Amino acid sequence: MKIRFAFLLMLVAAVAVPLAPSAFAAVTVGETFSNPTMEKRARSLQRQLRCLMCPGESIDESASPFANDVRRLMRQQMADGKNDRQILDYLVERYGDSILMKPPVKPTTWLLWLAPFLVLGAGGAVAAVVIKKAAARDEITTL
């Protein structure tokens, strides 16, 4: 009897799980526009904004309280008639360039943009020194 109950439970779960709302959709029902054009614009803007609580995630992907607040704030400004540039400028003023998924290249963000190249160059330099020392050691021991 227990085996039949467990099988029935697994069968119900197998049917119900695919029908459940996706856990990956961070936007809740109350945060959507009925106008498809406005909703498309909102989703596009959300993909341009970084969640400051979740490394590497946009506010469109994130389910954090911060992302929920920024989505709500952004959608309220859209409903008030502000254009995309005004909304992005307001959020950058409030949270800094780090809110943008693609921060602008300017003196305050140069380190952010150059860091990968600096790390790669430093790694190459260390590798060159190690290889030279290893080659010099092999020459001395072979003489």
Protein backbone atom coordinates (compact mmCIF):
# COMPACT_ATOMS: atom_id res chain seq x y z
CA MET A 1 0.00 0.00 0.00
CA LYS A 2 2.83 2.41 0.86
CA ILE A 3 4.49 1.70 -2.48
CA ARG A 4 1.29 2.56 -4.37
CA PHE A 5 0.92 5.80 -2.40
CA ALA A 6 4.56 6.75 -3.08
CA PHE A 7 4.09 5.95 -6.79
CA LEU A 8 0.91 8.06 -6.93
CA LEU A 9 2.70 10.93 -5.19
CA MET A 10 5.58 10.76 -7.68
CA LEU A 11 3.12 10.69 -10.58
CA VAL A 12 1.31 13.80 -9.30
CA ALA A 13 4.65 15.58 -8.79
CA ALA A 14 5.81 14.65 -12.30
CA VAL A 15 2.66 16.18 -13.80
CA ALA A 16 2.40 19.23 -11.49
CA VAL A 17 6.02 20.44 -11.55
CA PRO A 18 6.14 21.28 -15.28
CA LEU A 19 2.81 23.10 -14.94
CA ALA A 20 4.04 25.24 -12.03
CA PRO A 21 5.23 28.78 -12.77
CA SER A 22 8.90 28.97 -13.56
CA ALA A 23 11.22 29.82 -10.67
CA PHE A 24 13.42 31.65 -13.14
CA ALA A 25 10.82 34.32 -13.90
CA ALA A 26 11.69 36.97 -11.34
CA VAL A 27 8.89 39.36 -12.30
CA THR A 28 5.71 38.74 -10.34
CA VAL A 29 2.23 39.13 -11.75
CA GLY A 30 1.69 42.49 -10.01
CA GLU A 31 4.78 43.90 -11.71
CA THR A 32 3.67 43.56 -15.33
CA PHE A 33 2.14 46.03 -17.75
CA SER A 34 -1.02 45.06 -19.61
CA ASN A 35 0.30 46.92 -22.67
CA PRO A 36 2.69 44.52 -24.51
CA THR A 37 4.81 47.39 -25.85
CA MET A 38 5.34 48.81 -22.36
CA GLU A 39 6.11 45.34 -21.00
CA LYS A 40 8.68 44.72 -23.75
CA ARG A 41 10.29 48.10 -23.00
CA ALA A 42 10.35 47.34 -19.25
CA ARG A 43 11.97 43.93 -19.77
CA SER A 44 14.58 45.48 -22.06
CA LEU A 45 15.41 48.11 -19.42
CA GLN A 46 15.55 45.46 -16.69
CA ARG A 47 18.17 43.53 -18.67
CA GLN A 48 20.36 46.66 -18.76
CA LEU A 49 20.38 47.03 -14.96
CA ARG A 50 22.55 44.98 -12.59
CA CYS A 51 21.30 43.62 -9.29
CA LEU A 52 23.76 44.94 -6.73
CA MET A 53 22.99 42.01 -4.41
CA CYS A 54 23.47 39.21 -6.96
CA PRO A 55 26.83 39.15 -8.78
CA GLY A 56 26.42 38.95 -12.53
CA GLU A 57 22.61 39.01 -12.61
CA SER A 58 20.39 41.65 -14.11
CA ILE A 59 17.36 42.81 -12.17
CA ASP A 60 15.31 40.95 -14.78
CA GLU A 61 16.83 37.64 -13.61
CA SER A 62 17.14 38.33 -9.91
CA ALA A 63 14.51 37.63 -7.29
CA SER A 64 16.28 39.61 -4.53
CA PRO A 65 14.39 42.30 -2.58
CA PHE A 66 16.71 44.93 -4.09
CA ALA A 67 15.85 43.85 -7.65
CA ASN A 68 12.14 43.86 -6.78
CA ASP A 69 12.41 47.41 -5.46
CA VAL A 70 14.33 48.65 -8.51
CA ARG A 71 11.86 46.95 -10.88
CA ARG A 72 8.94 48.57 -9.05
CA LEU A 73 10.65 51.98 -9.07
CA MET A 74 11.55 51.69 -12.75
CA ARG A 75 8.03 50.61 -13.75
CA GLN A 76 6.50 53.43 -11.71
CA GLN A 77 8.66 55.94 -13.55
CA MET A 78 7.64 54.37 -16.86
CA ALA A 79 3.98 54.70 -15.88
CA ASP A 80 4.67 58.37 -15.03
CA GLY A 81 5.79 58.92 -18.65
CA LYS A 82 9.57 59.09 -18.26
CA ASN A 83 11.70 57.86 -21.15
CA ASP A 84 14.44 55.24 -20.90
CA ARG A 85 17.29 57.78 -20.69
CA GLN A 86 15.61 59.64 -17.81
CA ILE A 87 15.04 56.39 -15.91
CA LEU A 88 18.62 55.18 -16.43
CA ASP A 89 20.03 58.59 -15.46
CA TYR A 90 17.96 58.60 -12.27
CA LEU A 91 19.10 55.10 -11.30
CA VAL A 92 22.77 55.89 -12.06
CA GLU A 93 22.49 59.05 -9.96
CA ARG A 94 20.97 57.06 -7.12
CA TYR A 95 23.14 53.89 -7.24
CA GLY A 96 26.18 54.83 -9.34
CA ASP A 97 27.52 53.34 -12.57
CA SER A 98 27.65 49.88 -10.99
CA ILE A 99 23.87 49.55 -11.50
CA LEU A 100 24.45 49.34 -15.27
CA MET A 101 25.27 45.96 -16.83
CA LYS A 102 27.59 47.83 -19.24
CA PRO A 103 29.07 50.75 -17.32
CA PRO A 104 30.45 53.61 -19.44
CA VAL A 105 34.19 53.94 -20.04
CA LYS A 106 35.29 57.05 -18.14
CA PRO A 107 38.11 57.88 -15.70
CA THR A 108 36.21 56.51 -12.70
CA THR A 109 35.65 53.14 -14.41
CA TRP A 110 39.01 52.69 -16.18
CA LEU A 111 40.24 50.23 -13.57
CA LEU A 112 37.06 48.19 -13.99
CA TRP A 113 37.60 47.95 -17.75
CA LEU A 114 41.40 47.48 -17.63
CA ALA A 115 41.60 45.02 -14.72
CA PRO A 116 41.23 41.85 -16.84
CA PHE A 117 44.07 42.97 -19.14
CA LEU A 118 46.27 43.96 -16.19
CA VAL A 119 45.74 40.57 -14.52
CA LEU A 120 46.43 38.76 -17.80
CA GLY A 121 49.63 40.80 -18.33
CA ALA A 122 50.83 40.16 -14.77
CA GLY A 123 50.17 36.44 -15.17
CA GLY A 124 52.10 36.39 -18.44
CA ALA A 125 55.03 38.22 -16.84
CA VAL A 126 55.15 35.76 -13.93
CA ALA A 127 54.99 32.82 -16.35
CA ALA A 128 57.85 34.28 -18.45
CA VAL A 129 60.06 34.72 -15.35
CA VAL A 130 59.33 31.18 -14.15
CA ILE A 131 60.06 29.71 -17.58
CA LYS A 132 63.34 31.69 -17.87
CA LYS A 133 64.49 30.53 -14.43
CA ALA A 134 63.60 26.92 -15.24
CA ALA A 135 65.47 27.12 -18.55
CA ALA A 136 68.52 28.69 -16.84
CA ARG A 137 68.56 25.91 -14.22
CA ASP A 138 68.43 23.23 -16.93
CA GLU A 139 71.39 24.82 -18.77
CA ILE A 140 73.52 24.86 -15.60
CA THR A 141 72.76 21.28 -14.67
CA THR A 142 73.46 19.97 -18.18
CA LEU A 143 76.98 21.50 -18.34
